[in-house]
Amino acid sequence: MKTVVKTKNLRAFQIWLEKLGYEVKKLKFKGFTARISDRGIKKKHHYVLVTDGLNGNPAAFELGKEFEEHLSSPDITLRAKHGRVTNVA
């Protein structure tokens, strides 16, 4: 079964949404909703629902995927003149 985020990353996902300006409200058990009214955010991402089974609405899956990619990628990678890759913090 596909989940929005990994169980171990659920709280970090909530914090990430809060940092983006969402108002996060906890539901019973592990679930939560997040709302934003910022017109700079896509309308389809204005309401996010994550259930206690880590399922959710399409906005939750899209933002969850973006969040997981954010966790797995290094800050910035640059290719130097000689072909070496350097991480820049």
PDB file of N, CA and C in Angstrom:
ATOM      1  N   MET A   1       0.836  -1.164   0.000  1.00  0.00           N
ATOM      2  CA  MET A   1       0.000   0.000   0.000  1.00  0.00           C
ATOM      3  C   MET A   1       0.898   1.250   0.000  1.00  0.00           C
ATOM      4  N   LYS A   2       0.565   2.197  -0.834  1.00  0.00           N
ATOM      5  CA  LYS A   2       1.329   3.432  -0.957  1.00  0.00           C
ATOM      6  C   LYS A   2       0.977   4.376   0.191  1.00  0.00           C
ATOM      7  N   THR A   3       2.003   4.995   0.768  1.00  0.00           N
ATOM      8  CA  THR A   3       1.781   5.945   1.854  1.00  0.00           C
ATOM      9  C   THR A   3       2.268   7.335   1.444  1.00  0.00           C
ATOM     10  N   VAL A   4       1.769   8.338   2.136  1.00  0.00           N
ATOM     11  CA  VAL A   4       2.149   9.725   1.857  1.00  0.00           C
ATOM     12  C   VAL A   4       3.626   9.926   2.166  1.00  0.00           C
ATOM     13  N   VAL A   5       4.048   9.560   3.371  1.00  0.00           N
ATOM     14  CA  VAL A   5       5.449   9.600   3.790  1.00  0.00           C
ATOM     15  C   VAL A   5       5.720   8.370   4.641  1.00  0.00           C
ATOM     16  N   LYS A   6       6.990   8.099   4.889  1.00  0.00           N
ATOM     17  CA  LYS A   6       7.343   6.997   5.777  1.00  0.00           C
ATOM     18  C   LYS A   6       6.908   7.352   7.199  1.00  0.00           C
ATOM     19  N   THR A   7       6.593   6.337   7.977  1.00  0.00           N
ATOM     20  CA  THR A   7       6.134   6.548   9.351  1.00  0.00           C
ATOM     21  C   THR A   7       7.137   7.364  10.154  1.00  0.00           C
ATOM     22  N   LYS A   8       8.421   7.067   9.986  1.00  0.00           N
ATOM     23  CA  LYS A   8       9.445   7.766  10.765  1.00  0.00           C
ATOM     24  C   LYS A   8       9.554   9.249  10.388  1.00  0.00           C
ATOM     25  N   ASN A   9       9.038   9.634   9.215  1.00  0.00           N
ATOM     26  CA  ASN A   9       9.135  11.017   8.751  1.00  0.00           C
ATOM     27  C   ASN A   9       7.847  11.821   8.932  1.00  0.00           C
ATOM     28  N   LEU A  10       6.835  11.232   9.549  1.00  0.00           N
ATOM     29  CA  LEU A  10       5.533  11.898   9.656  1.00  0.00           C
ATOM     30  C   LEU A  10       5.615  13.221  10.411  1.00  0.00           C
ATOM     31  N   ARG A  11       6.244  13.228  11.574  1.00  0.00           N
ATOM     32  CA  ARG A  11       6.339  14.469  12.364  1.00  0.00           C
ATOM     33  C   ARG A  11       7.170  15.520  11.621  1.00  0.00           C
ATOM     34  N   ALA A  12       8.235  15.096  10.973  1.00  0.00           N
ATOM     35  CA  ALA A  12       9.059  16.032  10.200  1.00  0.00           C
ATOM     36  C   ALA A  12       8.253  16.624   9.045  1.00  0.00           C
ATOM     37  N   PHE A  13       7.376  15.827   8.432  1.00  0.00           N
ATOM     38  CA  PHE A  13       6.514  16.311   7.352  1.00  0.00           C
ATOM     39  C   PHE A  13       5.573  17.396   7.876  1.00  0.00           C
ATOM     40  N   GLN A  14       5.013  17.189   9.069  1.00  0.00           N
ATOM     41  CA  GLN A  14       4.140  18.199   9.678  1.00  0.00           C
ATOM     42  C   GLN A  14       4.910  19.500   9.919  1.00  0.00           C
ATOM     43  N   ILE A  15       6.107  19.395  10.452  1.00  0.00           N
ATOM     44  CA  ILE A  15       6.927  20.584  10.719  1.00  0.00           C
ATOM     45  C   ILE A  15       7.270  21.294   9.418  1.00  0.00           C
ATOM     46  N   TRP A  16       7.591  20.532   8.380  1.00  0.00           N
ATOM     47  CA  TRP A  16       7.927  21.092   7.066  1.00  0.00           C
ATOM     48  C   TRP A  16       6.744  21.880   6.512  1.00  0.00           C
ATOM     49  N   LEU A  17       5.533  21.325   6.643  1.00  0.00           N
ATOM     50  CA  LEU A  17       4.337  22.033   6.180  1.00  0.00           C
ATOM     51  C   LEU A  17       4.131  23.328   6.967  1.00  0.00           C
ATOM     52  N   GLU A  18       4.363  23.279   8.278  1.00  0.00           N
ATOM     53  CA  GLU A  18       4.241  24.492   9.096  1.00  0.00           C
ATOM     54  C   GLU A  18       5.241  25.553   8.645  1.00  0.00           C
ATOM     55  N   LYS A  19       6.459  25.140   8.327  1.00  0.00           N
ATOM     56  CA  LYS A  19       7.481  26.083   7.852  1.00  0.00           C
ATOM     57  C   LYS A  19       7.086  26.698   6.511  1.00  0.00           C
ATOM     58  N   LEU A  20       6.315  25.973   5.711  1.00  0.00           N
ATOM     59  CA  LEU A  20       5.836  26.494   4.433  1.00  0.00           C
ATOM     60  C   LEU A  20       4.642  27.433   4.607  1.00  0.00           C
ATOM     61  N   GLY A  21       4.112  27.516   5.829  1.00  0.00           N
ATOM     62  CA  GLY A  21       3.006  28.430   6.095  1.00  0.00           C
ATOM     63  C   GLY A  21       1.656  27.764   6.269  1.00  0.00           C
ATOM     64  N   TYR A  22       1.611  26.441   6.289  1.00  0.00           N
ATOM     65  CA  TYR A  22       0.350  25.725   6.486  1.00  0.00           C
ATOM     66  C   TYR A  22      -0.036  25.754   7.963  1.00  0.00           C
ATOM     67  N   GLU A  23      -1.341  25.764   8.225  1.00  0.00           N
ATOM     68  CA  GLU A  23      -1.865  25.625   9.580  1.00  0.00           C
ATOM     69  C   GLU A  23      -2.204  24.150   9.766  1.00  0.00           C
ATOM     70  N   VAL A  24      -1.445  23.461  10.610  1.00  0.00           N
ATOM     71  CA  VAL A  24      -1.584  22.016  10.793  1.00  0.00           C
ATOM     72  C   VAL A  24      -2.439  21.739  12.021  1.00  0.00           C
ATOM     73  N   LYS A  25      -3.455  20.885  11.847  1.00  0.00           N
ATOM     74  CA  LYS A  25      -4.314  20.463  12.957  1.00  0.00           C
ATOM     75  C   LYS A  25      -4.279  18.946  13.038  1.00  0.00           C
ATOM     76  N   LYS A  26      -4.023  18.440  14.238  1.00  0.00           N
ATOM     77  CA  LYS A  26      -3.955  16.997  14.439  1.00  0.00           C
ATOM     78  C   LYS A  26      -5.356  16.403  14.494  1.00  0.00           C
ATOM     79  N   LEU A  27      -5.481  15.198  13.945  1.00  0.00           N
ATOM     80  CA  LEU A  27      -6.709  14.421  14.043  1.00  0.00           C
ATOM     81  C   LEU A  27      -6.488  13.342  15.093  1.00  0.00           C
ATOM     82  N   LYS A  28      -7.491  12.520  15.339  1.00  0.00           N
ATOM     83  CA  LYS A  28      -7.315  11.402  16.257  1.00  0.00           C
ATOM     84  C   LYS A  28      -6.211  10.497  15.728  1.00  0.00           C
ATOM     85  N   PHE A  29      -5.503   9.875  16.637  1.00  0.00           N
ATOM     86  CA  PHE A  29      -4.406   8.970  16.321  1.00  0.00           C
ATOM     87  C   PHE A  29      -3.277   9.725  15.630  1.00  0.00           C
ATOM     88  N   LYS A  30      -2.816   9.286  14.453  1.00  0.00           N
ATOM     89  CA  LYS A  30      -1.652   9.893  13.804  1.00  0.00           C
ATOM     90  C   LYS A  30      -1.997  10.890  12.709  1.00  0.00           C
ATOM     91  N   GLY A  31      -3.234  10.983  12.305  1.00  0.00           N
ATOM     92  CA  GLY A  31      -3.599  11.809  11.158  1.00  0.00           C
ATOM     93  C   GLY A  31      -3.577  13.300  11.437  1.00  0.00           C
ATOM     94  N   PHE A  32      -3.593  14.084  10.351  1.00  0.00           N
ATOM     95  CA  PHE A  32      -3.657  15.537  10.484  1.00  0.00           C
ATOM     96  C   PHE A  32      -4.174  16.162   9.199  1.00  0.00           C
ATOM     97  N   THR A  33      -4.611  17.410   9.323  1.00  0.00           N
ATOM     98  CA  THR A  33      -4.984  18.210   8.158  1.00  0.00           C
ATOM     99  C   THR A  33      -4.094  19.445   8.159  1.00  0.00           C
ATOM    100  N   ALA A  34      -3.913  20.009   6.986  1.00  0.00           N
ATOM    101  CA  ALA A  34      -3.132  21.239   6.861  1.00  0.00           C
ATOM    102  C   ALA A  34      -3.823  22.123   5.837  1.00  0.00           C
ATOM    103  N   ARG A  35      -3.966  23.392   6.174  1.00  0.00           N
ATOM    104  CA  ARG A  35      -4.621  24.361   5.281  1.00  0.00           C
ATOM    105  C   ARG A  35      -3.722  25.569   5.098  1.00  0.00           C
ATOM    106  N   ILE A  36      -3.855  26.180   3.917  1.00  0.00           N
ATOM    107  CA  ILE A  36      -3.157  27.426   3.636  1.00  0.00           C
ATOM    108  C   ILE A  36      -4.046  28.259   2.730  1.00  0.00           C
ATOM    109  N   SER A  37      -4.000  29.557   2.894  1.00  0.00           N
ATOM    110  CA  SER A  37      -4.807  30.427   2.037  1.00  0.00           C
ATOM    111  C   SER A  37      -3.929  31.309   1.154  1.00  0.00           C
ATOM    112  N   ASP A  38      -2.638  31.059   1.156  1.00  0.00           N
ATOM    113  CA  ASP A  38      -1.686  31.831   0.347  1.00  0.00           C
ATOM    114  C   ASP A  38      -1.969  31.614  -1.135  1.00  0.00           C
ATOM    115  N   ARG A  39      -2.202  32.685  -1.859  1.00  0.00           N
ATOM    116  CA  ARG A  39      -2.502  32.577  -3.291  1.00  0.00           C
ATOM    117  C   ARG A  39      -1.274  32.202  -4.115  1.00  0.00           C
ATOM    118  N   GLY A  40      -0.094  32.271  -3.519  1.00  0.00           N
ATOM    119  CA  GLY A  40       1.126  31.876  -4.215  1.00  0.00           C
ATOM    120  C   GLY A  40       1.282  30.365  -4.313  1.00  0.00           C
ATOM    121  N   ILE A  41       0.506  29.636  -3.535  1.00  0.00           N
ATOM    122  CA  ILE A  41       0.524  28.172  -3.543  1.00  0.00           C
ATOM    123  C   ILE A  41      -0.577  27.695  -4.484  1.00  0.00           C
ATOM    124  N   LYS A  42      -0.295  26.608  -5.223  1.00  0.00           N
ATOM    125  CA  LYS A  42      -1.310  26.058  -6.130  1.00  0.00           C
ATOM    126  C   LYS A  42      -2.599  25.776  -5.365  1.00  0.00           C
ATOM    127  N   LYS A  43      -3.732  26.083  -5.982  1.00  0.00           N
ATOM    128  CA  LYS A  43      -5.028  25.895  -5.320  1.00  0.00           C
ATOM    129  C   LYS A  43      -5.243  24.441  -4.904  1.00  0.00           C
ATOM    130  N   LYS A  44      -4.782  23.493  -5.712  1.00  0.00           N
ATOM    131  CA  LYS A  44      -4.993  22.081  -5.365  1.00  0.00           C
ATOM    132  C   LYS A  44      -4.186  21.663  -4.137  1.00  0.00           C
ATOM    133  N   HIS A  45      -3.251  22.505  -3.682  1.00  0.00           N
ATOM    134  CA  HIS A  45      -2.463  22.207  -2.488  1.00  0.00           C
ATOM    135  C   HIS A  45      -2.927  22.992  -1.267  1.00  0.00           C
ATOM    136  N   HIS A  46      -4.086  23.657  -1.343  1.00  0.00           N
ATOM    137  CA  HIS A  46      -4.572  24.457  -0.220  1.00  0.00           C
ATOM    138  C   HIS A  46      -5.063  23.598   0.940  1.00  0.00           C
ATOM    139  N   TYR A  47      -5.475  22.366   0.698  1.00  0.00           N
ATOM    140  CA  TYR A  47      -5.966  21.490   1.759  1.00  0.00           C
ATOM    141  C   TYR A  47      -5.255  20.151   1.651  1.00  0.00           C
ATOM    142  N   VAL A  48      -4.579  19.761   2.722  1.00  0.00           N
ATOM    143  CA  VAL A  48      -3.832  18.503   2.762  1.00  0.00           C
ATOM    144  C   VAL A  48      -4.431  17.638   3.861  1.00  0.00           C
ATOM    145  N   LEU A  49      -4.701  16.381   3.546  1.00  0.00           N
ATOM    146  CA  LEU A  49      -5.238  15.434   4.521  1.00  0.00           C
ATOM    147  C   LEU A  49      -4.334  14.213   4.566  1.00  0.00           C
ATOM    148  N   VAL A  50      -3.877  13.872   5.771  1.00  0.00           N
ATOM    149  CA  VAL A  50      -3.115  12.644   5.989  1.00  0.00           C
ATOM    150  C   VAL A  50      -3.859  11.866   7.064  1.00  0.00           C
ATOM    151  N   THR A  51      -4.257  10.635   6.744  1.00  0.00           N
ATOM    152  CA  THR A  51      -5.018   9.811   7.688  1.00  0.00           C
ATOM    153  C   THR A  51      -4.073   9.058   8.612  1.00  0.00           C
ATOM    154  N   ASP A  52      -4.650   8.397   9.620  1.00  0.00           N
ATOM    155  CA  ASP A  52      -3.820   7.635  10.553  1.00  0.00           C
ATOM    156  C   ASP A  52      -3.143   6.446   9.885  1.00  0.00           C
ATOM    157  N   GLY A  53      -3.654   5.987   8.742  1.00  0.00           N
ATOM    158  CA  GLY A  53      -3.018   4.914   7.989  1.00  0.00           C
ATOM    159  C   GLY A  53      -1.969   5.418   7.015  1.00  0.00           C
ATOM    160  N   LEU A  54      -1.627   6.701   7.124  1.00  0.00           N
ATOM    161  CA  LEU A  54      -0.660   7.377   6.252  1.00  0.00           C
ATOM    162  C   LEU A  54      -1.115   7.431   4.800  1.00  0.00           C
ATOM    163  N   ASN A  55      -2.417   7.364   4.589  1.00  0.00           N
ATOM    164  CA  ASN A  55      -2.993   7.628   3.271  1.00  0.00           C
ATOM    165  C   ASN A  55      -3.392   9.093   3.255  1.00  0.00           C
ATOM    166  N   GLY A  56      -3.877   9.565   2.122  1.00  0.00           N
ATOM    167  CA  GLY A  56      -4.291  10.957   2.087  1.00  0.00           C
ATOM    168  C   GLY A  56      -4.868  11.359   0.755  1.00  0.00           C
ATOM    169  N   ASN A  57      -5.106  12.648   0.606  1.00  0.00           N
ATOM    170  CA  ASN A  57      -5.642  13.168  -0.646  1.00  0.00           C
ATOM    171  C   ASN A  57      -4.490  13.390  -1.641  1.00  0.00           C
ATOM    172  N   PRO A  58      -4.797  13.689  -2.904  1.00  0.00           N
ATOM    173  CA  PRO A  58      -3.739  13.874  -3.912  1.00  0.00           C
ATOM    174  C   PRO A  58      -2.710  14.939  -3.529  1.00  0.00           C
ATOM    175  N   ALA A  59      -3.140  16.012  -2.877  1.00  0.00           N
ATOM    176  CA  ALA A  59      -2.194  17.054  -2.457  1.00  0.00           C
ATOM    177  C   ALA A  59      -1.186  16.495  -1.459  1.00  0.00           C
ATOM    178  N   ALA A  60      -1.648  15.644  -0.547  1.00  0.00           N
ATOM    179  CA  ALA A  60      -0.753  15.046   0.440  1.00  0.00           C
ATOM    180  C   ALA A  60       0.288  14.166  -0.238  1.00  0.00           C
ATOM    181  N   PHE A  61      -0.132  13.383  -1.241  1.00  0.00           N
ATOM    182  CA  PHE A  61       0.815  12.523  -1.945  1.00  0.00           C
ATOM    183  C   PHE A  61       1.848  13.339  -2.714  1.00  0.00           C
ATOM    184  N   GLU A  62       1.417  14.415  -3.374  1.00  0.00           N
ATOM    185  CA  GLU A  62       2.354  15.252  -4.129  1.00  0.00           C
ATOM    186  C   GLU A  62       3.352  15.937  -3.202  1.00  0.00           C
ATOM    187  N   LEU A  63       2.858  16.539  -2.120  1.00  0.00           N
ATOM    188  CA  LEU A  63       3.748  17.210  -1.184  1.00  0.00           C
ATOM    189  C   LEU A  63       4.616  16.210  -0.422  1.00  0.00           C
ATOM    190  N   GLY A  64       4.073  15.034  -0.130  1.00  0.00           N
ATOM    191  CA  GLY A  64       4.857  13.985   0.524  1.00  0.00           C
ATOM    192  C   GLY A  64       6.008  13.522  -0.343  1.00  0.00           C
ATOM    193  N   LYS A  65       5.757  13.375  -1.637  1.00  0.00           N
ATOM    194  CA  LYS A  65       6.819  12.977  -2.566  1.00  0.00           C
ATOM    195  C   LYS A  65       7.906  14.049  -2.615  1.00  0.00           C
ATOM    196  N   GLU A  66       7.485  15.310  -2.702  1.00  0.00           N
ATOM    197  CA  GLU A  66       8.448  16.417  -2.720  1.00  0.00           C
ATOM    198  C   GLU A  66       9.268  16.442  -1.425  1.00  0.00           C
ATOM    199  N   PHE A  67       8.612  16.194  -0.295  1.00  0.00           N
ATOM    200  CA  PHE A  67       9.289  16.172   0.999  1.00  0.00           C
ATOM    201  C   PHE A  67      10.315  15.045   1.063  1.00  0.00           C
ATOM    202  N   GLU A  68       9.934  13.838   0.633  1.00  0.00           N
ATOM    203  CA  GLU A  68      10.855  12.695   0.651  1.00  0.00           C
ATOM    204  C   GLU A  68      12.059  12.951  -0.259  1.00  0.00           C
ATOM    205  N   GLU A  69      11.831  13.577  -1.423  1.00  0.00           N
ATOM    206  CA  GLU A  69      12.939  13.921  -2.316  1.00  0.00           C
ATOM    207  C   GLU A  69      13.849  14.947  -1.652  1.00  0.00           C
ATOM    208  N   HIS A  70      13.250  15.882  -0.943  1.00  0.00           N
ATOM    209  CA  HIS A  70      14.005  16.905  -0.218  1.00  0.00           C
ATOM    210  C   HIS A  70      14.922  16.259   0.821  1.00  0.00           C
ATOM    211  N   LEU A  71      14.442  15.213   1.491  1.00  0.00           N
ATOM    212  CA  LEU A  71      15.246  14.534   2.506  1.00  0.00           C
ATOM    213  C   LEU A  71      16.398  13.741   1.904  1.00  0.00           C
ATOM    214  N   SER A  72      16.177  13.151   0.743  1.00  0.00           N
ATOM    215  CA  SER A  72      17.181  12.258   0.168  1.00  0.00           C
ATOM    216  C   SER A  72      18.233  12.953  -0.681  1.00  0.00           C
ATOM    217  N   SER A  73      18.018  14.206  -1.058  1.00  0.00           N
ATOM    218  CA  SER A  73      18.983  14.892  -1.917  1.00  0.00           C
ATOM    219  C   SER A  73      19.920  15.759  -1.088  1.00  0.00           C
ATOM    220  N   PRO A  74      21.183  15.875  -1.524  1.00  0.00           N
ATOM    221  CA  PRO A  74      22.107  16.772  -0.816  1.00  0.00           C
ATOM    222  C   PRO A  74      21.695  18.218  -1.041  1.00  0.00           C
ATOM    223  N   ASP A  75      22.207  19.116  -0.215  1.00  0.00           N
ATOM    224  CA  ASP A  75      21.839  20.534  -0.313  1.00  0.00           C
ATOM    225  C   ASP A  75      22.006  21.048  -1.736  1.00  0.00           C
ATOM    226  N   ILE A  76      23.224  21.119  -2.208  1.00  0.00           N
ATOM    227  CA  ILE A  76      23.488  21.588  -3.564  1.00  0.00           C
ATOM    228  C   ILE A  76      24.712  20.835  -4.061  1.00  0.00           C
ATOM    229  N   THR A  77      24.681  20.370  -5.282  1.00  0.00           N
ATOM    230  CA  THR A  77      25.873  19.750  -5.849  1.00  0.00           C
ATOM    231  C   THR A  77      26.309  20.549  -7.052  1.00  0.00           C
ATOM    232  N   LEU A  78      27.591  20.793  -7.127  1.00  0.00           N
ATOM    233  CA  LEU A  78      28.164  21.537  -8.234  1.00  0.00           C
ATOM    234  C   LEU A  78      29.270  20.710  -8.863  1.00  0.00           C
ATOM    235  N   ARG A  79      29.389  20.786 -10.179  1.00  0.00           N
ATOM    236  CA  ARG A  79      30.444  20.071 -10.872  1.00  0.00           C
ATOM    237  C   ARG A  79      31.602  21.045 -11.093  1.00  0.00           C
ATOM    238  N   ALA A  80      32.752  20.716 -10.532  1.00  0.00           N
ATOM    239  CA  ALA A  80      33.931  21.566 -10.676  1.00  0.00           C
ATOM    240  C   ALA A  80      34.499  21.430 -12.087  1.00  0.00           C
ATOM    241  N   LYS A  81      35.482  22.253 -12.412  1.00  0.00           N
ATOM    242  CA  LYS A  81      36.073  22.251 -13.752  1.00  0.00           C
ATOM    243  C   LYS A  81      36.633  20.890 -14.130  1.00  0.00           C
ATOM    244  N   HIS A  82      37.157  20.167 -13.172  1.00  0.00           N
ATOM    245  CA  HIS A  82      37.812  18.891 -13.458  1.00  0.00           C
ATOM    246  C   HIS A  82      36.875  17.699 -13.317  1.00  0.00           C
ATOM    247  N   GLY A  83      35.596  17.933 -13.269  1.00  0.00           N
ATOM    248  CA  GLY A  83      34.627  16.845 -13.242  1.00  0.00           C
ATOM    249  C   GLY A  83      34.334  16.298 -11.863  1.00  0.00           C
ATOM    250  N   ARG A  84      34.902  16.883 -10.828  1.00  0.00           N
ATOM    251  CA  ARG A  84      34.627  16.416  -9.475  1.00  0.00           C
ATOM    252  C   ARG A  84      33.335  17.051  -8.964  1.00  0.00           C
ATOM    253  N   VAL A  85      32.609  16.316  -8.165  1.00  0.00           N
ATOM    254  CA  VAL A  85      31.364  16.836  -7.592  1.00  0.00           C
ATOM    255  C   VAL A  85      31.656  17.305  -6.175  1.00  0.00           C
ATOM    256  N   THR A  86      31.238  18.508  -5.867  1.00  0.00           N
ATOM    257  CA  THR A  86      31.472  19.097  -4.557  1.00  0.00           C
ATOM    258  C   THR A  86      30.134  19.446  -3.921  1.00  0.00           C
ATOM    259  N   ASN A  87      29.960  19.058  -2.668  1.00  0.00           N
ATOM    260  CA  ASN A  87      28.752  19.447  -1.930  1.00  0.00           C
ATOM    261  C   ASN A  87      28.972  20.810  -1.314  1.00  0.00           C
ATOM    262  N   VAL A  88      28.014  21.686  -1.497  1.00  0.00           N
ATOM    263  CA  VAL A  88      28.099  23.032  -0.945  1.00  0.00           C
ATOM    264  C   VAL A  88      26.996  23.186   0.086  1.00  0.00           C
ATOM    265  N   ALA A  89      27.372  23.573   1.283  1.00  0.00           N
ATOM    266  CA  ALA A  89      26.361  23.731   2.339  1.00  0.00           C
ATOM    267  C   ALA A  89      25.816  25.129   2.360  1.00  0.00           C
TER     268      ALA A  89
END
